[in-house]
Amino acid sequence: MSATVSSPGVAQLLAPYPHVANCNLCCEYADEYLNDHPGMQVLIAVLDHHDSAHANDRLGRSAALF
C-alpha cells in the first residue's frame, strides 16, 4: 500500500482522522475543494464522502439537486 501524499492544508485538515487521511480518494477530494470552500465545510464533506464509500459528494455541482 502506498503512502498518501497531499497538500499541507489537506494533511492538517484530516490529521485528526487518520483513517481518512490515509485514503487517497478522500485526500484528492479534499484537495479539489479546499481552496474554494471553508475548511470545516470541506471536512464535513470529506467525512461523509469516506463514510459513503466515496458515493456522496456534498460539494459537487449536482449536490444541490438532491
N, C-alpha and C. Protein backbone atom coordinates (compact mmCIF):
# COMPACT_ATOMS: atom_id res chain seq x y z
N MET A 1 0.85 -1.17 0.00
CA MET A 1 0.00 0.00 0.00
C MET A 1 0.90 1.23 0.00
N SER A 2 0.62 2.18 -0.90
CA SER A 2 1.45 3.37 -0.98
C SER A 2 0.95 4.44 -0.01
N ALA A 3 1.87 5.29 0.40
CA ALA A 3 1.52 6.36 1.33
C ALA A 3 0.75 7.45 0.60
N THR A 4 -0.16 8.07 1.31
CA THR A 4 -0.95 9.16 0.76
C THR A 4 -0.11 10.43 0.80
N VAL A 5 -0.04 11.12 -0.33
CA VAL A 5 0.65 12.40 -0.40
C VAL A 5 -0.39 13.46 -0.70
N SER A 6 -0.48 14.46 0.17
CA SER A 6 -1.46 15.51 -0.03
C SER A 6 -0.85 16.85 0.32
N SER A 7 -1.56 17.90 -0.03
CA SER A 7 -1.08 19.24 0.29
C SER A 7 -1.03 19.42 1.80
N PRO A 8 -0.22 20.37 2.26
CA PRO A 8 -0.15 20.61 3.72
C PRO A 8 -1.51 20.97 4.31
N GLY A 9 -2.33 21.71 3.57
CA GLY A 9 -3.65 22.08 4.07
C GLY A 9 -4.54 20.87 4.26
N VAL A 10 -4.50 19.94 3.33
CA VAL A 10 -5.30 18.72 3.43
C VAL A 10 -4.77 17.86 4.57
N ALA A 11 -3.47 17.73 4.67
CA ALA A 11 -2.88 16.93 5.75
C ALA A 11 -3.29 17.48 7.11
N GLN A 12 -3.26 18.79 7.26
CA GLN A 12 -3.63 19.41 8.53
C GLN A 12 -5.12 19.22 8.81
N LEU A 13 -5.94 19.40 7.80
CA LEU A 13 -7.39 19.26 7.95
C LEU A 13 -7.78 17.85 8.38
N LEU A 14 -7.13 16.85 7.80
CA LEU A 14 -7.51 15.45 8.04
C LEU A 14 -6.68 14.77 9.13
N ALA A 15 -5.72 15.44 9.70
CA ALA A 15 -4.84 14.83 10.70
C ALA A 15 -5.59 14.17 11.86
N PRO A 16 -6.68 14.75 12.37
CA PRO A 16 -7.40 14.09 13.47
C PRO A 16 -8.15 12.82 13.03
N TYR A 17 -8.19 12.55 11.74
CA TYR A 17 -8.92 11.40 11.20
C TYR A 17 -7.98 10.55 10.35
N PRO A 18 -7.08 9.79 10.98
CA PRO A 18 -6.06 9.05 10.22
C PRO A 18 -6.64 8.05 9.23
N HIS A 19 -7.80 7.47 9.53
CA HIS A 19 -8.40 6.52 8.58
C HIS A 19 -8.80 7.23 7.30
N VAL A 20 -9.14 8.50 7.37
CA VAL A 20 -9.49 9.28 6.18
C VAL A 20 -8.23 9.88 5.57
N ALA A 21 -7.31 10.34 6.41
CA ALA A 21 -6.07 10.94 5.92
C ALA A 21 -5.23 9.94 5.12
N ASN A 22 -5.40 8.66 5.37
CA ASN A 22 -4.67 7.63 4.64
C ASN A 22 -5.42 7.12 3.42
N CYS A 23 -6.53 7.73 3.10
CA CYS A 23 -7.34 7.33 1.95
C CYS A 23 -7.03 8.28 0.78
N ASN A 24 -6.40 7.76 -0.26
CA ASN A 24 -6.04 8.59 -1.41
C ASN A 24 -7.24 9.29 -2.03
N LEU A 25 -8.34 8.60 -2.18
CA LEU A 25 -9.52 9.20 -2.79
C LEU A 25 -10.04 10.38 -1.97
N CYS A 26 -10.03 10.25 -0.66
CA CYS A 26 -10.51 11.32 0.20
C CYS A 26 -9.55 12.51 0.21
N CYS A 27 -8.27 12.24 0.17
CA CYS A 27 -7.30 13.34 0.11
C CYS A 27 -7.44 14.11 -1.19
N GLU A 28 -7.63 13.41 -2.28
CA GLU A 28 -7.85 14.07 -3.57
C GLU A 28 -9.14 14.88 -3.55
N TYR A 29 -10.18 14.32 -2.95
CA TYR A 29 -11.46 15.00 -2.82
C TYR A 29 -11.29 16.30 -2.03
N ALA A 30 -10.62 16.23 -0.90
CA ALA A 30 -10.39 17.41 -0.07
C ALA A 30 -9.56 18.45 -0.81
N ASP A 31 -8.53 18.00 -1.47
CA ASP A 31 -7.65 18.91 -2.21
C ASP A 31 -8.41 19.64 -3.32
N GLU A 32 -9.35 18.95 -3.92
CA GLU A 32 -10.14 19.55 -5.01
C GLU A 32 -10.98 20.73 -4.53
N TYR A 33 -11.48 20.68 -3.29
CA TYR A 33 -12.41 21.68 -2.81
C TYR A 33 -11.84 22.66 -1.78
N LEU A 34 -10.70 22.38 -1.21
CA LEU A 34 -10.22 23.15 -0.07
C LEU A 34 -9.97 24.63 -0.39
N ASN A 35 -9.54 24.94 -1.59
CA ASN A 35 -9.28 26.34 -1.92
C ASN A 35 -10.55 27.15 -2.15
N ASP A 36 -11.66 26.49 -2.42
CA ASP A 36 -12.90 27.18 -2.77
C ASP A 36 -13.95 27.19 -1.67
N HIS A 37 -13.72 26.43 -0.59
CA HIS A 37 -14.72 26.30 0.47
C HIS A 37 -14.04 26.40 1.83
N PRO A 38 -14.79 26.81 2.85
CA PRO A 38 -14.23 26.84 4.22
C PRO A 38 -13.80 25.44 4.66
N GLY A 39 -12.73 25.40 5.44
CA GLY A 39 -12.17 24.12 5.88
C GLY A 39 -13.17 23.22 6.58
N MET A 40 -14.00 23.78 7.45
CA MET A 40 -14.97 22.96 8.17
C MET A 40 -15.99 22.34 7.21
N GLN A 41 -16.38 23.08 6.21
CA GLN A 41 -17.32 22.56 5.22
C GLN A 41 -16.69 21.42 4.43
N VAL A 42 -15.42 21.58 4.08
CA VAL A 42 -14.71 20.52 3.36
C VAL A 42 -14.54 19.30 4.25
N LEU A 43 -14.20 19.50 5.51
CA LEU A 43 -14.03 18.38 6.42
C LEU A 43 -15.30 17.56 6.53
N ILE A 44 -16.42 18.22 6.73
CA ILE A 44 -17.71 17.51 6.83
C ILE A 44 -17.99 16.75 5.54
N ALA A 45 -17.74 17.37 4.41
CA ALA A 45 -17.98 16.71 3.13
C ALA A 45 -17.06 15.51 2.93
N VAL A 46 -15.80 15.64 3.33
CA VAL A 46 -14.85 14.53 3.18
C VAL A 46 -15.24 13.36 4.07
N LEU A 47 -15.62 13.65 5.31
CA LEU A 47 -16.03 12.56 6.21
C LEU A 47 -17.26 11.84 5.66
N ASP A 48 -18.20 12.59 5.13
CA ASP A 48 -19.38 11.99 4.52
C ASP A 48 -18.99 11.18 3.28
N HIS A 49 -18.10 11.74 2.48
CA HIS A 49 -17.61 11.07 1.28
C HIS A 49 -16.98 9.73 1.64
N HIS A 50 -16.15 9.72 2.67
CA HIS A 50 -15.48 8.49 3.09
C HIS A 50 -16.48 7.47 3.64
N ASP A 51 -17.38 7.94 4.50
CA ASP A 51 -18.36 7.04 5.11
C ASP A 51 -19.35 6.46 4.11
N SER A 52 -19.53 7.14 2.99
CA SER A 52 -20.46 6.65 1.97
C SER A 52 -19.76 5.81 0.92
N ALA A 53 -18.55 5.36 1.22
CA ALA A 53 -17.74 4.58 0.27
C ALA A 53 -17.51 5.37 -1.01
N HIS A 54 -17.30 6.69 -0.83
CA HIS A 54 -16.97 7.61 -1.90
C HIS A 54 -18.12 7.85 -2.87
N ALA A 55 -19.34 7.64 -2.41
CA ALA A 55 -20.51 7.84 -3.27
C ALA A 55 -21.10 9.25 -3.14
N ASN A 56 -21.03 9.85 -1.96
CA ASN A 56 -21.62 11.17 -1.75
C ASN A 56 -20.61 12.26 -2.06
N ASP A 57 -21.11 13.32 -2.69
CA ASP A 57 -20.28 14.49 -2.98
C ASP A 57 -21.08 15.73 -2.62
N ARG A 58 -20.99 16.14 -1.37
CA ARG A 58 -21.75 17.29 -0.87
C ARG A 58 -21.35 18.60 -1.53
N LEU A 59 -20.17 18.69 -2.06
CA LEU A 59 -19.69 19.95 -2.61
C LEU A 59 -19.73 20.00 -4.13
N GLY A 60 -20.07 18.91 -4.76
CA GLY A 60 -20.13 18.86 -6.21
C GLY A 60 -21.27 19.68 -6.76
N ARG A 61 -21.18 20.01 -8.02
CA ARG A 61 -22.21 20.85 -8.65
C ARG A 61 -23.61 20.24 -8.60
N SER A 62 -23.70 18.94 -8.72
CA SER A 62 -25.01 18.29 -8.73
C SER A 62 -25.56 18.06 -7.32
N ALA A 63 -24.78 18.31 -6.28
CA ALA A 63 -25.22 18.06 -4.91
C ALA A 63 -26.46 18.85 -4.54
N ALA A 64 -26.58 20.06 -5.03
CA ALA A 64 -27.74 20.91 -4.71
C ALA A 64 -29.04 20.37 -5.32
N LEU A 65 -28.92 19.48 -6.28
CA LEU A 65 -30.11 18.93 -6.94
C LEU A 65 -30.73 17.79 -6.17
N PHE A 66 -30.02 17.24 -5.20
CA PHE A 66 -30.51 16.07 -4.48
C PHE A 66 -31.16 16.46 -3.17
